[in-house]
Structures are given as structure tokens and as C-alpha cells.
């Protein structure tokens, strides 16, 4: 004989029954805002010859931030065209873009 509330039978643990099962099934899902769903879309770029999946809506500047290349000396080419530093923040990236990034490192 088992103690009241024990969850065992002669063959092993029993599945919980009653209201606890219903509560443990899961919480009702709420709809995500449309802008959250849109920001979850991904696109594939080629960065220095390597495929890279990134979120949709990136600019050259946000890609450089994602690559942890700060505002230091860097040259960027998008599909064979040099992107001037002044246009990094406004140049949108698109699915399939071929990006080449050269980061200059000083030393002696």
C-alpha cells in the first residue's frame, strides 16, 4: 500500500492524472506581432567566399557590427562594387549578395 498522493504502482511510476496534467500540457500560445515575424526571416549572403545566414534587413554597417568589425579601417565590396564608408549605414544587403570585407590591421 502506498502513501496518499504517491505516484507509484506495482509496475512503476504512474502518469499524473487530473488537473495537474492539463496544466502541464502547455500555455496557450499568443500571436507574435507582425514586425517580430518579419525580423525573423533570414537571407543568405556570401561573406569573403563563405556562406552566411543573417536576418533580413541588414545594412553593410550592421553586418560589420555583427562581424565585430568596429568603425576602424575597413573596405567593403558588394557584388563587385566598392561601398563607400559614408554609405555603409544606408546600403541594404539582399539575398545572394556577394560581400568582400577587408579589415586593415596595423603593426610593425
C-alpha atoms as a PDB file:
ATOM      1  CA  UNK A   1       0.000   0.000   0.000  1.00  0.00           C
ATOM      2  CA  UNK A   2       1.433   3.392  -0.943  1.00  0.00           C
ATOM      3  CA  UNK A   3       1.124   6.657   0.911  1.00  0.00           C
ATOM      4  CA  UNK A   4      -1.668   9.026  -0.109  1.00  0.00           C
ATOM      5  CA  UNK A   5      -0.554  11.181  -3.028  1.00  0.00           C
ATOM      6  CA  UNK A   6       2.255   8.778  -4.029  1.00  0.00           C
ATOM      7  CA  UNK A   7       2.645   8.393  -7.738  1.00  0.00           C
ATOM      8  CA  UNK A   8       3.751   4.758  -7.968  1.00  0.00           C
ATOM      9  CA  UNK A   9       2.106   1.497  -8.881  1.00  0.00           C
ATOM     10  CA  UNK A  10       3.305  -2.095  -8.744  1.00  0.00           C
ATOM     11  CA  UNK A  11       4.721  -1.703 -12.267  1.00  0.00           C
ATOM     12  CA  UNK A  12       6.493   1.628 -11.723  1.00  0.00           C
ATOM     13  CA  UNK A  13       5.692   5.333 -11.770  1.00  0.00           C
ATOM     14  CA  UNK A  14       2.226   6.307 -12.907  1.00  0.00           C
ATOM     15  CA  UNK A  15       1.427   9.211 -15.148  1.00  0.00           C
ATOM     16  CA  UNK A  16      -0.140  12.098 -13.264  1.00  0.00           C
ATOM     17  CA  UNK A  17      -3.883  12.413 -13.619  1.00  0.00           C
ATOM     18  CA  UNK A  18      -6.414  15.119 -13.001  1.00  0.00           C
ATOM     19  CA  UNK A  19      -5.998  18.889 -13.298  1.00  0.00           C
ATOM     20  CA  UNK A  20      -2.191  18.776 -12.988  1.00  0.00           C
ATOM     21  CA  UNK A  21      -1.936  17.042 -16.376  1.00  0.00           C
ATOM     22  CA  UNK A  22      -3.994  19.702 -18.069  1.00  0.00           C
ATOM     23  CA  UNK A  23      -1.891  22.482 -16.552  1.00  0.00           C
ATOM     24  CA  UNK A  24       1.373  20.831 -17.579  1.00  0.00           C
ATOM     25  CA  UNK A  25       0.412  20.373 -21.240  1.00  0.00           C
ATOM     26  CA  UNK A  26       1.430  23.922 -22.083  1.00  0.00           C
ATOM     27  CA  UNK A  27       0.436  27.508 -22.040  1.00  0.00           C
ATOM     28  CA  UNK A  28      -1.779  28.915 -24.750  1.00  0.00           C
ATOM     29  CA  UNK A  29       0.344  30.465 -27.470  1.00  0.00           C
ATOM     30  CA  UNK A  30      -0.051  34.117 -28.218  1.00  0.00           C
ATOM     31  CA  UNK A  31       0.366  35.575 -31.663  1.00  0.00           C
ATOM     32  CA  UNK A  32       3.628  37.371 -32.298  1.00  0.00           C
ATOM     33  CA  UNK A  33       3.486  40.909 -33.605  1.00  0.00           C
ATOM     34  CA  UNK A  34       3.913  41.093 -37.387  1.00  0.00           C
ATOM     35  CA  UNK A  35       7.182  43.044 -37.164  1.00  0.00           C
ATOM     36  CA  UNK A  36       8.689  40.295 -34.979  1.00  0.00           C
ATOM     37  CA  UNK A  37       7.807  37.659 -37.579  1.00  0.00           C
ATOM     38  CA  UNK A  38       9.294  39.763 -40.338  1.00  0.00           C
ATOM     39  CA  UNK A  39      12.519  40.285 -38.421  1.00  0.00           C
ATOM     40  CA  UNK A  40      12.885  36.513 -38.009  1.00  0.00           C
ATOM     41  CA  UNK A  41      13.241  35.979 -41.772  1.00  0.00           C
ATOM     42  CA  UNK A  42      16.736  35.114 -42.866  1.00  0.00           C
ATOM     43  CA  UNK A  43      18.727  35.603 -46.022  1.00  0.00           C
ATOM     44  CA  UNK A  44      21.927  34.013 -47.232  1.00  0.00           C
ATOM     45  CA  UNK A  45      24.947  36.068 -48.197  1.00  0.00           C
ATOM     46  CA  UNK A  46      28.452  35.127 -49.206  1.00  0.00           C
ATOM     47  CA  UNK A  47      30.953  36.938 -46.986  1.00  0.00           C
ATOM     48  CA  UNK A  48      34.558  36.579 -48.128  1.00  0.00           C
ATOM     49  CA  UNK A  49      33.550  33.439 -50.017  1.00  0.00           C
ATOM     50  CA  UNK A  50      31.805  31.792 -47.043  1.00  0.00           C
ATOM     51  CA  UNK A  51      28.002  31.357 -46.868  1.00  0.00           C
ATOM     52  CA  UNK A  52      26.411  33.266 -44.013  1.00  0.00           C
ATOM     53  CA  UNK A  53      22.776  33.308 -42.892  1.00  0.00           C
ATOM     54  CA  UNK A  54      21.699  36.660 -41.477  1.00  0.00           C
ATOM     55  CA  UNK A  55      18.426  38.319 -40.588  1.00  0.00           C
ATOM     56  CA  UNK A  56      16.632  40.191 -43.324  1.00  0.00           C
ATOM     57  CA  UNK A  57      17.017  43.971 -43.423  1.00  0.00           C
ATOM     58  CA  UNK A  58      20.744  44.239 -42.641  1.00  0.00           C
ATOM     59  CA  UNK A  59      22.882  47.059 -43.952  1.00  0.00           C
ATOM     60  CA  UNK A  60      26.611  46.970 -44.602  1.00  0.00           C
ATOM     61  CA  UNK A  61      27.144  48.755 -41.246  1.00  0.00           C
ATOM     62  CA  UNK A  62      25.042  46.251 -39.267  1.00  0.00           C
ATOM     63  CA  UNK A  63      26.852  43.368 -40.983  1.00  0.00           C
ATOM     64  CA  UNK A  64      30.199  44.866 -39.958  1.00  0.00           C
ATOM     65  CA  UNK A  65      28.892  45.185 -36.390  1.00  0.00           C
ATOM     66  CA  UNK A  66      27.740  41.549 -36.487  1.00  0.00           C
ATOM     67  CA  UNK A  67      31.230  40.568 -37.657  1.00  0.00           C
ATOM     68  CA  UNK A  68      32.609  42.619 -34.736  1.00  0.00           C
ATOM     69  CA  UNK A  69      34.499  44.935 -37.064  1.00  0.00           C
ATOM     70  CA  UNK A  70      34.169  48.319 -35.427  1.00  0.00           C
ATOM     71  CA  UNK A  71      34.415  51.662 -37.146  1.00  0.00           C
ATOM     72  CA  UNK A  72      38.133  51.140 -37.873  1.00  0.00           C
ATOM     73  CA  UNK A  73      39.654  50.985 -41.334  1.00  0.00           C
ATOM     74  CA  UNK A  74      37.678  48.528 -43.435  1.00  0.00           C
ATOM     75  CA  UNK A  75      36.895  48.200 -47.150  1.00  0.00           C
ATOM     76  CA  UNK A  76      33.646  46.589 -48.318  1.00  0.00           C
ATOM     77  CA  UNK A  77      32.658  45.385 -51.756  1.00  0.00           C
ATOM     78  CA  UNK A  78      29.058  44.390 -52.581  1.00  0.00           C
ATOM     79  CA  UNK A  79      28.667  42.314 -55.734  1.00  0.00           C
ATOM     80  CA  UNK A  80      31.933  43.650 -57.159  1.00  0.00           C
ATOM     81  CA  UNK A  81      31.220  47.316 -56.370  1.00  0.00           C
ATOM     82  CA  UNK A  82      33.061  49.193 -53.618  1.00  0.00           C
ATOM     83  CA  UNK A  83      30.686  50.583 -50.968  1.00  0.00           C
ATOM     84  CA  UNK A  84      31.987  53.953 -49.724  1.00  0.00           C
ATOM     85  CA  UNK A  85      32.243  54.245 -45.937  1.00  0.00           C
ATOM     86  CA  UNK A  86      29.736  57.124 -45.997  1.00  0.00           C
ATOM     87  CA  UNK A  87      27.127  54.728 -47.443  1.00  0.00           C
ATOM     88  CA  UNK A  88      27.697  51.747 -45.106  1.00  0.00           C
ATOM     89  CA  UNK A  89      24.711  52.640 -42.892  1.00  0.00           C
ATOM     90  CA  UNK A  90      22.326  53.174 -45.823  1.00  0.00           C
ATOM     91  CA  UNK A  91      23.362  50.330 -48.143  1.00  0.00           C
ATOM     92  CA  UNK A  92      20.903  47.460 -47.743  1.00  0.00           C
ATOM     93  CA  UNK A  93      22.006  43.864 -48.191  1.00  0.00           C
ATOM     94  CA  UNK A  94      19.911  41.471 -50.269  1.00  0.00           C
ATOM     95  CA  UNK A  95      19.566  37.718 -50.597  1.00  0.00           C
ATOM     96  CA  UNK A  96      22.509  36.256 -52.505  1.00  0.00           C
ATOM     97  CA  UNK A  97      24.783  39.306 -52.217  1.00  0.00           C
ATOM     98  CA  UNK A  98      28.500  38.595 -52.578  1.00  0.00           C
ATOM     99  CA  UNK A  99      30.260  40.638 -49.891  1.00  0.00           C
ATOM    100  CA  UNK A 100      34.012  41.040 -49.592  1.00  0.00           C
ATOM    101  CA  UNK A 101      35.383  42.662 -46.435  1.00  0.00           C
ATOM    102  CA  UNK A 102      38.999  43.693 -45.911  1.00  0.00           C
ATOM    103  CA  UNK A 103      39.892  44.806 -42.399  1.00  0.00           C
ATOM    104  CA  UNK A 104      43.178  46.620 -42.051  1.00  0.00           C
ATOM    105  CA  UNK A 105      45.339  45.758 -39.060  1.00  0.00           C
ATOM    106  CA  UNK A 106      48.314  47.908 -38.094  1.00  0.00           C
ATOM    107  CA  UNK A 107      51.541  46.534 -36.802  1.00  0.00           C
ATOM    108  CA  UNK A 108      55.233  46.703 -37.208  1.00  0.00           C
END
